[in-house]
Protein backbone atom coordinates (compact mmCIF):
# COMPACT_ATOMS: atom_id res chain seq x y z
CA MET A 1 36.45 7.64 -24.64
CA LYS A 2 33.81 9.71 -22.99
CA ILE A 3 33.36 13.62 -22.96
CA THR A 4 31.37 15.29 -20.07
CA ILE A 5 31.29 19.08 -20.19
CA THR A 6 29.57 21.01 -17.55
CA GLN A 7 26.97 23.66 -18.05
CA PRO A 8 29.29 26.48 -16.64
CA ALA A 9 32.00 25.61 -19.11
CA ALA A 10 29.64 25.37 -22.30
CA ALA A 11 28.44 28.68 -21.33
CA TRP A 12 31.96 29.89 -21.35
CA TYR A 13 32.75 28.86 -24.67
CA SER A 14 29.27 30.00 -26.05
CA ASN A 15 30.16 33.51 -24.69
CA GLU A 16 33.63 33.48 -25.77
CA LEU A 17 33.41 31.97 -29.24
CA GLU A 18 29.99 33.44 -29.94
CA LEU A 19 28.24 29.91 -30.48
CA SER A 20 24.62 29.33 -31.22
CA GLU A 21 22.50 26.38 -30.83
CA GLY A 22 23.19 23.80 -33.53
CA ASP A 23 27.05 24.78 -33.56
CA HIS A 24 29.77 22.25 -33.47
CA LEU A 25 32.78 22.70 -31.42
CA ARG A 26 36.02 20.31 -32.27
CA PHE A 27 38.66 19.66 -29.73
CA TYR A 28 41.78 18.63 -32.08
CA VAL A 29 45.53 17.80 -30.77
CA ARG A 30 48.05 20.37 -31.70
CA LEU A 31 51.81 20.12 -31.31
CA GLY A 32 53.22 22.09 -28.30
CA GLY A 33 51.94 23.05 -25.05
CA CYS A 34 51.31 20.74 -21.99
CA SER A 35 49.06 17.75 -21.22
CA THR A 36 48.86 15.36 -18.39
CA VAL A 37 48.17 12.52 -21.21
CA GLN A 38 50.78 13.35 -23.98
CA SER A 39 53.87 14.91 -23.49
CA GLY A 40 54.58 17.94 -26.42
CA PHE A 41 51.09 18.09 -27.35
CA SER A 42 47.69 19.93 -25.97
CA LEU A 43 44.28 20.32 -27.03
CA GLY A 44 43.05 23.29 -29.62
CA VAL A 45 39.62 24.05 -30.19
CA ALA A 46 37.80 25.01 -33.50
CA LYS A 47 33.93 25.95 -34.42
CA GLU A 48 33.78 23.43 -37.22
CA ALA A 49 31.29 20.36 -38.37
CA PRO A 50 32.41 17.10 -37.74
CA LYS A 51 33.68 14.71 -40.44
CA GLU A 52 34.19 11.38 -38.31
CA THR A 53 33.05 12.27 -34.82
CA GLY A 54 35.13 9.72 -32.11
CA ALA A 55 33.41 11.04 -29.29
CA SER A 56 30.92 13.70 -28.72
CA VAL A 57 28.59 15.21 -26.26
CA GLU A 58 25.66 17.81 -26.10
CA GLN A 59 25.03 20.81 -23.94
CA GLY A 60 23.05 24.02 -24.48
CA GLY A 61 22.28 22.86 -27.80
CA ILE A 62 26.04 22.82 -28.95
CA THR A 63 27.79 19.91 -29.74
CA PHE A 64 31.49 19.30 -28.43
CA TYR A 65 33.52 16.72 -30.27
CA VAL A 66 36.76 15.05 -30.96
CA GLU A 67 37.45 13.78 -34.22
CA ARG A 68 38.00 9.81 -34.57
CA GLU A 69 41.63 10.34 -35.72
CA ASP A 70 42.69 12.54 -32.70
CA LEU A 71 41.60 9.87 -30.18
CA TRP A 72 44.91 8.47 -29.91
CA TYR A 73 45.71 11.73 -27.78
CA PHE A 74 43.55 10.94 -24.90
CA ASP A 75 45.40 7.40 -24.37
CA GLY A 76 42.18 5.35 -23.14
CA HIS A 77 41.21 8.49 -20.64
CA ASP A 78 37.71 10.22 -20.99
CA LEU A 79 37.57 14.12 -21.02
CA THR A 80 36.05 16.29 -18.48
CA ILE A 81 35.80 20.16 -19.25
CA ASP A 82 34.93 22.74 -16.24
CA PHE A 83 35.01 26.12 -15.88
CA ASN A 84 37.73 27.42 -13.19
CA LYS A 85 35.75 30.70 -11.53
CA GLU A 86 39.54 31.76 -9.96
CA ASN A 87 40.69 32.14 -13.19
CA GLU A 88 38.00 32.54 -15.04
CA ASP A 89 38.97 29.86 -17.83
CA VAL A 90 38.34 26.00 -18.69
CA ASP A 91 39.75 23.27 -16.88
CA PHE A 92 40.66 19.97 -18.98
CA SER A 93 40.85 16.79 -16.86
CA TYR A 94 41.69 13.37 -17.99
CA GLU A 95 40.36 10.37 -16.05
């Protein structure tokens, strides 16, 4: 599994969550919500240091990652996170 995050999406997270260089942002599986890869689950985010990284990418001095225990959610797909200018929010796509 590979994570890709665009610079605008990383900047959005940095601004919204007041992230600084050296911080870590975890994408984790949560019950509920809507997803195209796992029915009844969605992704949440938390500012926390990794325990056992399954996939990660660094953008703008911030490490964005998924723990190994949450890799099942992606079902073999890669995660791309982009900024949606129209909604002023981020979009997740699974490839």
